[in-house]
Amino acid sequence: MTIVKQMDLRSNIKKYLDLAFSGETVVVPRKENKNVIILSEKEYKELEKARNNMAYLAMLDESDRQVREGKVIVKTMEELEAMAAE
């Protein structure tokens, strides 16, 4: 992890963007802890994927809980086909 002041970032932006692209996380501290993190698109996509996976797993856990509590609706194949035909 690299920590860089805003002034240094402005004057050496290519250097810090190259660092981020190579996998280094660049932290830009700001007042009132409104810090900014610079990371590569690849790392960002990995974080987004992990976040989406967590949301999907939470949804599956909720569905599993509903099934265990009996909060399900059972339909026969004929009922489903009739619903599809409507």
PDB file of N, CA and C in Angstrom:
ATOM      1  N   MET A   1       0.845  -1.171   0.000  1.00  0.00           N
ATOM      2  CA  MET A   1       0.000   0.000   0.000  1.00  0.00           C
ATOM      3  C   MET A   1       0.893   1.237   0.000  1.00  0.00           C
ATOM      4  N   THR A   2       0.518   2.186  -0.831  1.00  0.00           N
ATOM      5  CA  THR A   2       1.256   3.441  -0.924  1.00  0.00           C
ATOM      6  C   THR A   2       0.335   4.568  -0.488  1.00  0.00           C
ATOM      7  N   ILE A   3       0.841   5.435   0.360  1.00  0.00           N
ATOM      8  CA  ILE A   3       0.075   6.600   0.805  1.00  0.00           C
ATOM      9  C   ILE A   3       0.728   7.827   0.184  1.00  0.00           C
ATOM     10  N   VAL A   4      -0.088   8.659  -0.458  1.00  0.00           N
ATOM     11  CA  VAL A   4       0.455   9.818  -1.169  1.00  0.00           C
ATOM     12  C   VAL A   4      -0.397  11.048  -0.881  1.00  0.00           C
ATOM     13  N   LYS A   5       0.246  12.173  -0.674  1.00  0.00           N
ATOM     14  CA  LYS A   5      -0.456  13.442  -0.462  1.00  0.00           C
ATOM     15  C   LYS A   5      -1.062  13.903  -1.785  1.00  0.00           C
ATOM     16  N   GLN A   6      -2.128  14.673  -1.685  1.00  0.00           N
ATOM     17  CA  GLN A   6      -2.804  15.168  -2.881  1.00  0.00           C
ATOM     18  C   GLN A   6      -1.856  15.938  -3.792  1.00  0.00           C
ATOM     19  N   MET A   7      -1.018  16.769  -3.210  1.00  0.00           N
ATOM     20  CA  MET A   7      -0.069  17.572  -3.996  1.00  0.00           C
ATOM     21  C   MET A   7       0.869  16.656  -4.783  1.00  0.00           C
ATOM     22  N   ASP A   8       1.391  15.620  -4.123  1.00  0.00           N
ATOM     23  CA  ASP A   8       2.291  14.686  -4.809  1.00  0.00           C
ATOM     24  C   ASP A   8       1.549  13.913  -5.899  1.00  0.00           C
ATOM     25  N   LEU A   9       0.312  13.559  -5.630  1.00  0.00           N
ATOM     26  CA  LEU A   9      -0.489  12.847  -6.623  1.00  0.00           C
ATOM     27  C   LEU A   9      -0.665  13.705  -7.872  1.00  0.00           C
ATOM     28  N   ARG A  10      -0.992  14.970  -7.664  1.00  0.00           N
ATOM     29  CA  ARG A  10      -1.184  15.865  -8.807  1.00  0.00           C
ATOM     30  C   ARG A  10       0.082  15.980  -9.658  1.00  0.00           C
ATOM     31  N   SER A  11       1.212  16.112  -9.011  1.00  0.00           N
ATOM     32  CA  SER A  11       2.440  16.324  -9.772  1.00  0.00           C
ATOM     33  C   SER A  11       3.035  15.031 -10.336  1.00  0.00           C
ATOM     34  N   ASN A  12       2.610  13.873  -9.823  1.00  0.00           N
ATOM     35  CA  ASN A  12       3.156  12.591 -10.283  1.00  0.00           C
ATOM     36  C   ASN A  12       2.044  11.582 -10.571  1.00  0.00           C
ATOM     37  N   ILE A  13       0.967  12.044 -11.165  1.00  0.00           N
ATOM     38  CA  ILE A  13      -0.202  11.182 -11.315  1.00  0.00           C
ATOM     39  C   ILE A  13       0.101   9.921 -12.119  1.00  0.00           C
ATOM     40  N   LYS A  14       0.879  10.027 -13.174  1.00  0.00           N
ATOM     41  CA  LYS A  14       1.199   8.846 -13.976  1.00  0.00           C
ATOM     42  C   LYS A  14       1.880   7.789 -13.122  1.00  0.00           C
ATOM     43  N   LYS A  15       2.805   8.208 -12.289  1.00  0.00           N
ATOM     44  CA  LYS A  15       3.534   7.269 -11.421  1.00  0.00           C
ATOM     45  C   LYS A  15       2.563   6.492 -10.536  1.00  0.00           C
ATOM     46  N   TYR A  16       1.619   7.197  -9.916  1.00  0.00           N
ATOM     47  CA  TYR A  16       0.705   6.546  -8.978  1.00  0.00           C
ATOM     48  C   TYR A  16      -0.363   5.723  -9.693  1.00  0.00           C
ATOM     49  N   LEU A  17      -0.781   6.161 -10.883  1.00  0.00           N
ATOM     50  CA  LEU A  17      -1.717   5.350 -11.654  1.00  0.00           C
ATOM     51  C   LEU A  17      -1.038   4.075 -12.138  1.00  0.00           C
ATOM     52  N   ASP A  18       0.225   4.174 -12.526  1.00  0.00           N
ATOM     53  CA  ASP A  18       0.980   2.973 -12.917  1.00  0.00           C
ATOM     54  C   ASP A  18       1.128   2.018 -11.740  1.00  0.00           C
ATOM     55  N   LEU A  19       1.362   2.568 -10.551  1.00  0.00           N
ATOM     56  CA  LEU A  19       1.447   1.721  -9.352  1.00  0.00           C
ATOM     57  C   LEU A  19       0.131   0.982  -9.130  1.00  0.00           C
ATOM     58  N   ALA A  20      -0.965   1.714  -9.246  1.00  0.00           N
ATOM     59  CA  ALA A  20      -2.280   1.092  -9.052  1.00  0.00           C
ATOM     60  C   ALA A  20      -2.518   0.017 -10.105  1.00  0.00           C
ATOM     61  N   PHE A  21      -2.150   0.306 -11.334  1.00  0.00           N
ATOM     62  CA  PHE A  21      -2.339  -0.667 -12.412  1.00  0.00           C
ATOM     63  C   PHE A  21      -1.532  -1.936 -12.164  1.00  0.00           C
ATOM     64  N   SER A  22      -0.384  -1.790 -11.532  1.00  0.00           N
ATOM     65  CA  SER A  22       0.466  -2.955 -11.267  1.00  0.00           C
ATOM     66  C   SER A  22       0.029  -3.729 -10.019  1.00  0.00           C
ATOM     67  N   GLY A  23      -1.059  -3.299  -9.373  1.00  0.00           N
ATOM     68  CA  GLY A  23      -1.587  -4.041  -8.234  1.00  0.00           C
ATOM     69  C   GLY A  23      -1.398  -3.380  -6.888  1.00  0.00           C
ATOM     70  N   GLU A  24      -0.693  -2.269  -6.868  1.00  0.00           N
ATOM     71  CA  GLU A  24      -0.459  -1.537  -5.612  1.00  0.00           C
ATOM     72  C   GLU A  24      -1.683  -0.680  -5.296  1.00  0.00           C
ATOM     73  N   THR A  25      -2.133  -0.704  -4.059  1.00  0.00           N
ATOM     74  CA  THR A  25      -3.224   0.171  -3.637  1.00  0.00           C
ATOM     75  C   THR A  25      -2.627   1.517  -3.244  1.00  0.00           C
ATOM     76  N   VAL A  26      -3.203   2.587  -3.785  1.00  0.00           N
ATOM     77  CA  VAL A  26      -2.709   3.939  -3.500  1.00  0.00           C
ATOM     78  C   VAL A  26      -3.778   4.653  -2.672  1.00  0.00           C
ATOM     79  N   VAL A  27      -3.383   5.147  -1.508  1.00  0.00           N
ATOM     80  CA  VAL A  27      -4.300   5.837  -0.602  1.00  0.00           C
ATOM     81  C   VAL A  27      -3.978   7.326  -0.636  1.00  0.00           C
ATOM     82  N   VAL A  28      -5.028   8.126  -0.827  1.00  0.00           N
ATOM     83  CA  VAL A  28      -4.871   9.576  -0.806  1.00  0.00           C
ATOM     84  C   VAL A  28      -5.645  10.093   0.404  1.00  0.00           C
ATOM     85  N   PRO A  29      -4.924  10.428   1.496  1.00  0.00           N
ATOM     86  CA  PRO A  29      -5.604  10.928   2.694  1.00  0.00           C
ATOM     87  C   PRO A  29      -6.217  12.311   2.440  1.00  0.00           C
ATOM     88  N   ARG A  30      -7.395  12.518   3.033  1.00  0.00           N
ATOM     89  CA  ARG A  30      -8.070  13.817   2.907  1.00  0.00           C
ATOM     90  C   ARG A  30      -8.607  14.221   4.266  1.00  0.00           C
ATOM     91  N   LYS A  31      -8.986  15.459   4.383  1.00  0.00           N
ATOM     92  CA  LYS A  31      -9.525  15.969   5.644  1.00  0.00           C
ATOM     93  C   LYS A  31     -10.780  15.203   6.025  1.00  0.00           C
ATOM     94  N   GLU A  32     -11.030  15.129   7.311  1.00  0.00           N
ATOM     95  CA  GLU A  32     -12.222  14.503   7.881  1.00  0.00           C
ATOM     96  C   GLU A  32     -12.357  13.035   7.467  1.00  0.00           C
ATOM     97  N   ASN A  33     -11.231  12.365   7.295  1.00  0.00           N
ATOM     98  CA  ASN A  33     -11.210  10.942   6.907  1.00  0.00           C
ATOM     99  C   ASN A  33     -12.011  10.643   5.647  1.00  0.00           C
ATOM    100  N   LYS A  34     -12.031  11.564   4.701  1.00  0.00           N
ATOM    101  CA  LYS A  34     -12.691  11.340   3.413  1.00  0.00           C
ATOM    102  C   LYS A  34     -11.644  10.877   2.410  1.00  0.00           C
ATOM    103  N   ASN A  35     -10.915   9.835   2.809  1.00  0.00           N
ATOM    104  CA  ASN A  35      -9.810   9.330   2.007  1.00  0.00           C
ATOM    105  C   ASN A  35     -10.301   8.705   0.709  1.00  0.00           C
ATOM    106  N   VAL A  36      -9.401   8.660  -0.257  1.00  0.00           N
ATOM    107  CA  VAL A  36      -9.691   8.076  -1.560  1.00  0.00           C
ATOM    108  C   VAL A  36      -8.687   6.956  -1.800  1.00  0.00           C
ATOM    109  N   ILE A  37      -9.177   5.866  -2.373  1.00  0.00           N
ATOM    110  CA  ILE A  37      -8.330   4.726  -2.705  1.00  0.00           C
ATOM    111  C   ILE A  37      -8.277   4.610  -4.225  1.00  0.00           C
ATOM    112  N   ILE A  38      -7.084   4.467  -4.756  1.00  0.00           N
ATOM    113  CA  ILE A  38      -6.909   4.244  -6.189  1.00  0.00           C
ATOM    114  C   ILE A  38      -6.460   2.800  -6.362  1.00  0.00           C
ATOM    115  N   LEU A  39      -7.211   2.067  -7.180  1.00  0.00           N
ATOM    116  CA  LEU A  39      -6.823   0.692  -7.467  1.00  0.00           C
ATOM    117  C   LEU A  39      -7.138   0.385  -8.916  1.00  0.00           C
ATOM    118  N   SER A  40      -6.578  -0.690  -9.410  1.00  0.00           N
ATOM    119  CA  SER A  40      -6.752  -1.040 -10.821  1.00  0.00           C
ATOM    120  C   SER A  40      -8.183  -1.491 -11.085  1.00  0.00           C
ATOM    121  N   GLU A  41      -8.573  -1.427 -12.350  1.00  0.00           N
ATOM    122  CA  GLU A  41      -9.902  -1.891 -12.739  1.00  0.00           C
ATOM    123  C   GLU A  41     -10.047  -3.378 -12.432  1.00  0.00           C
ATOM    124  N   LYS A  42      -8.985  -4.131 -12.619  1.00  0.00           N
ATOM    125  CA  LYS A  42      -9.019  -5.568 -12.336  1.00  0.00           C
ATOM    126  C   LYS A  42      -9.353  -5.820 -10.869  1.00  0.00           C
ATOM    127  N   GLU A  43      -8.672  -5.101  -9.971  1.00  0.00           N
ATOM    128  CA  GLU A  43      -8.958  -5.260  -8.537  1.00  0.00           C
ATOM    129  C   GLU A  43     -10.373  -4.811  -8.213  1.00  0.00           C
ATOM    130  N   TYR A  44     -10.811  -3.706  -8.827  1.00  0.00           N
ATOM    131  CA  TYR A  44     -12.159  -3.205  -8.594  1.00  0.00           C
ATOM    132  C   TYR A  44     -13.193  -4.257  -9.002  1.00  0.00           C
ATOM    133  N   LYS A  45     -12.987  -4.875 -10.180  1.00  0.00           N
ATOM    134  CA  LYS A  45     -13.931  -5.892 -10.643  1.00  0.00           C
ATOM    135  C   LYS A  45     -13.944  -7.096  -9.707  1.00  0.00           C
ATOM    136  N   GLU A  46     -12.781  -7.465  -9.170  1.00  0.00           N
ATOM    137  CA  GLU A  46     -12.721  -8.573  -8.210  1.00  0.00           C
ATOM    138  C   GLU A  46     -13.502  -8.236  -6.947  1.00  0.00           C
ATOM    139  N   LEU A  47     -13.378  -7.001  -6.462  1.00  0.00           N
ATOM    140  CA  LEU A  47     -14.136  -6.575  -5.283  1.00  0.00           C
ATOM    141  C   LEU A  47     -15.635  -6.565  -5.563  1.00  0.00           C
ATOM    142  N   GLU A  48     -16.022  -6.076  -6.744  1.00  0.00           N
ATOM    143  CA  GLU A  48     -17.436  -6.064  -7.124  1.00  0.00           C
ATOM    144  C   GLU A  48     -17.983  -7.485  -7.206  1.00  0.00           C
ATOM    145  N   LYS A  49     -17.200  -8.390  -7.773  1.00  0.00           N
ATOM    146  CA  LYS A  49     -17.627  -9.780  -7.877  1.00  0.00           C
ATOM    147  C   LYS A  49     -17.821 -10.391  -6.496  1.00  0.00           C
ATOM    148  N   ALA A  50     -16.872 -10.119  -5.591  1.00  0.00           N
ATOM    149  CA  ALA A  50     -16.980 -10.638  -4.225  1.00  0.00           C
ATOM    150  C   ALA A  50     -18.218 -10.078  -3.530  1.00  0.00           C
ATOM    151  N   ARG A  51     -18.480  -8.790  -3.730  1.00  0.00           N
ATOM    152  CA  ARG A  51     -19.655  -8.166  -3.112  1.00  0.00           C
ATOM    153  C   ARG A  51     -20.941  -8.770  -3.674  1.00  0.00           C
ATOM    154  N   ASN A  52     -20.986  -8.961  -4.988  1.00  0.00           N
ATOM    155  CA  ASN A  52     -22.169  -9.561  -5.604  1.00  0.00           C
ATOM    156  C   ASN A  52     -22.354 -10.997  -5.137  1.00  0.00           C
ATOM    157  N   ASN A  53     -21.255 -11.730  -4.985  1.00  0.00           N
ATOM    158  CA  ASN A  53     -21.341 -13.102  -4.490  1.00  0.00           C
ATOM    159  C   ASN A  53     -21.891 -13.131  -3.069  1.00  0.00           C
ATOM    160  N   MET A  54     -21.453 -12.186  -2.229  1.00  0.00           N
ATOM    161  CA  MET A  54     -21.964 -12.131  -0.850  1.00  0.00           C
ATOM    162  C   MET A  54     -23.459 -11.862  -0.845  1.00  0.00           C
ATOM    163  N   ALA A  55     -23.919 -10.952  -1.706  1.00  0.00           N
ATOM    164  CA  ALA A  55     -25.348 -10.651  -1.776  1.00  0.00           C
ATOM    165  C   ALA A  55     -26.123 -11.878  -2.254  1.00  0.00           C
ATOM    166  N   TYR A  56     -25.590 -12.593  -3.227  1.00  0.00           N
ATOM    167  CA  TYR A  56     -26.242 -13.798  -3.739  1.00  0.00           C
ATOM    168  C   TYR A  56     -26.312 -14.871  -2.658  1.00  0.00           C
ATOM    169  N   LEU A  57     -25.210 -15.058  -1.917  1.00  0.00           N
ATOM    170  CA  LEU A  57     -25.202 -16.049  -0.843  1.00  0.00           C
ATOM    171  C   LEU A  57     -26.187 -15.678   0.262  1.00  0.00           C
ATOM    172  N   ALA A  58     -26.308 -14.392   0.553  1.00  0.00           N
ATOM    173  CA  ALA A  58     -27.282 -13.952   1.561  1.00  0.00           C
ATOM    174  C   ALA A  58     -28.704 -14.261   1.093  1.00  0.00           C
ATOM    175  N   MET A  59     -28.961 -14.066  -0.194  1.00  0.00           N
ATOM    176  CA  MET A  59     -30.276 -14.376  -0.743  1.00  0.00           C
ATOM    177  C   MET A  59     -30.559 -15.877  -0.646  1.00  0.00           C
ATOM    178  N   LEU A  60     -29.551 -16.693  -0.943  1.00  0.00           N
ATOM    179  CA  LEU A  60     -29.721 -18.141  -0.827  1.00  0.00           C
ATOM    180  C   LEU A  60     -29.969 -18.550   0.625  1.00  0.00           C
ATOM    181  N   ASP A  61     -29.247 -17.932   1.558  1.00  0.00           N
ATOM    182  CA  ASP A  61     -29.469 -18.216   2.982  1.00  0.00           C
ATOM    183  C   ASP A  61     -30.894 -17.875   3.389  1.00  0.00           C
ATOM    184  N   GLU A  62     -31.384 -16.742   2.909  1.00  0.00           N
ATOM    185  CA  GLU A  62     -32.754 -16.331   3.233  1.00  0.00           C
ATOM    186  C   GLU A  62     -33.753 -17.316   2.638  1.00  0.00           C
ATOM    187  N   SER A  63     -33.521 -17.742   1.419  1.00  0.00           N
ATOM    188  CA  SER A  63     -34.415 -18.729   0.790  1.00  0.00           C
ATOM    189  C   SER A  63     -34.396 -20.042   1.557  1.00  0.00           C
ATOM    190  N   ASP A  64     -33.213 -20.474   1.971  1.00  0.00           N
ATOM    191  CA  ASP A  64     -33.085 -21.705   2.753  1.00  0.00           C
ATOM    192  C   ASP A  64     -33.845 -21.588   4.073  1.00  0.00           C
ATOM    193  N   ARG A  65     -33.733 -20.439   4.730  1.00  0.00           N
ATOM    194  CA  ARG A  65     -34.448 -20.216   5.981  1.00  0.00           C
ATOM    195  C   ARG A  65     -35.954 -20.306   5.766  1.00  0.00           C
ATOM    196  N   GLN A  66     -36.441 -19.701   4.683  1.00  0.00           N
ATOM    197  CA  GLN A  66     -37.872 -19.745   4.385  1.00  0.00           C
ATOM    198  C   GLN A  66     -38.343 -21.172   4.136  1.00  0.00           C
ATOM    199  N   VAL A  67     -37.526 -21.957   3.436  1.00  0.00           N
ATOM    200  CA  VAL A  67     -37.891 -23.356   3.180  1.00  0.00           C
ATOM    201  C   VAL A  67     -37.947 -24.126   4.492  1.00  0.00           C
ATOM    202  N   ARG A  68     -36.946 -23.942   5.359  1.00  0.00           N
ATOM    203  CA  ARG A  68     -36.925 -24.651   6.645  1.00  0.00           C
ATOM    204  C   ARG A  68     -38.092 -24.260   7.525  1.00  0.00           C
ATOM    205  N   GLU A  69     -38.559 -23.018   7.406  1.00  0.00           N
ATOM    206  CA  GLU A  69     -39.700 -22.559   8.199  1.00  0.00           C
ATOM    207  C   GLU A  69     -41.034 -22.899   7.548  1.00  0.00           C
ATOM    208  N   GLY A  70     -40.976 -23.549   6.394  1.00  0.00           N
ATOM    209  CA  GLY A  70     -42.207 -23.950   5.724  1.00  0.00           C
ATOM    210  C   GLY A  70     -42.914 -22.820   5.006  1.00  0.00           C
ATOM    211  N   LYS A  71     -42.227 -21.750   4.749  1.00  0.00           N
ATOM    212  CA  LYS A  71     -42.839 -20.602   4.062  1.00  0.00           C
ATOM    213  C   LYS A  71     -42.676 -20.774   2.549  1.00  0.00           C
ATOM    214  N   VAL A  72     -43.291 -21.837   2.034  1.00  0.00           N
ATOM    215  CA  VAL A  72     -43.205 -22.137   0.607  1.00  0.00           C
ATOM    216  C   VAL A  72     -44.599 -22.387   0.059  1.00  0.00           C
ATOM    217  N   ILE A  73     -44.722 -22.279  -1.248  1.00  0.00           N
ATOM    218  CA  ILE A  73     -45.965 -22.597  -1.931  1.00  0.00           C
ATOM    219  C   ILE A  73     -45.658 -23.772  -2.847  1.00  0.00           C
ATOM    220  N   VAL A  74     -46.435 -24.824  -2.727  1.00  0.00           N
ATOM    221  CA  VAL A  74     -46.215 -26.028  -3.529  1.00  0.00           C
ATOM    222  C   VAL A  74     -47.227 -26.032  -4.670  1.00  0.00           C
ATOM    223  N   LYS A  75     -46.724 -26.244  -5.884  1.00  0.00           N
ATOM    224  CA  LYS A  75     -47.585 -26.314  -7.074  1.00  0.00           C
ATOM    225  C   LYS A  75     -47.280 -27.607  -7.807  1.00  0.00           C
ATOM    226  N   THR A  76     -48.307 -28.192  -8.376  1.00  0.00           N
ATOM    227  CA  THR A  76     -48.098 -29.368  -9.218  1.00  0.00           C
ATOM    228  C   THR A  76     -47.643 -28.899 -10.589  1.00  0.00           C
ATOM    229  N   MET A  77     -47.143 -29.833 -11.386  1.00  0.00           N
ATOM    230  CA  MET A  77     -46.706 -29.491 -12.735  1.00  0.00           C
ATOM    231  C   MET A  77     -47.889 -28.991 -13.568  1.00  0.00           C
ATOM    232  N   GLU A  78     -49.038 -29.575 -13.351  1.00  0.00           N
ATOM    233  CA  GLU A  78     -50.232 -29.140 -14.083  1.00  0.00           C
ATOM    234  C   GLU A  78     -50.591 -27.699 -13.735  1.00  0.00           C
ATOM    235  N   GLU A  79     -50.498 -27.356 -12.458  1.00  0.00           N
ATOM    236  CA  GLU A  79     -50.792 -25.978 -12.041  1.00  0.00           C
ATOM    237  C   GLU A  79     -49.797 -25.003 -12.659  1.00  0.00           C
ATOM    238  N   LEU A  80     -48.539 -25.388 -12.700  1.00  0.00           N
ATOM    239  CA  LEU A  80     -47.523 -24.514 -13.294  1.00  0.00           C
ATOM    240  C   LEU A  80     -47.754 -24.338 -14.790  1.00  0.00           C
ATOM    241  N   GLU A  81     -48.085 -25.431 -15.471  1.00  0.00           N
ATOM    242  CA  GLU A  81     -48.356 -25.346 -16.911  1.00  0.00           C
ATOM    243  C   GLU A  81     -49.576 -24.471 -17.180  1.00  0.00           C
ATOM    244  N   ALA A  82     -50.597 -24.575 -16.324  1.00  0.00           N
ATOM    245  CA  ALA A  82     -51.792 -23.744 -16.474  1.00  0.00           C
ATOM    246  C   ALA A  82     -51.439 -22.282 -16.267  1.00  0.00           C
ATOM    247  N   MET A  83     -50.598 -22.005 -15.309  1.00  0.00           N
ATOM    248  CA  MET A  83     -50.160 -20.619 -15.069  1.00  0.00           C
ATOM    249  C   MET A  83     -49.384 -20.083 -16.262  1.00  0.00           C
ATOM    250  N   ALA A  84     -48.546 -20.918 -16.855  1.00  0.00           N
ATOM    251  CA  ALA A  84     -47.748 -20.495 -18.004  1.00  0.00           C
ATOM    252  C   ALA A  84     -48.610 -20.233 -19.232  1.00  0.00           C
ATOM    253  N   ALA A  85     -49.711 -20.952 -19.345  1.00  0.00           N
ATOM    254  CA  ALA A  85     -50.593 -20.812 -20.497  1.00  0.00           C
ATOM    255  C   ALA A  85     -51.434 -19.533 -20.406  1.00  0.00           C
ATOM    256  N   GLU A  86     -51.575 -18.991 -19.234  1.00  0.00           N
ATOM    257  CA  GLU A  86     -52.430 -17.787 -19.054  1.00  0.00           C
ATOM    258  C   GLU A  86     -51.818 -16.569 -19.640  1.00  0.00           C
TER     259      GLU A  86
END
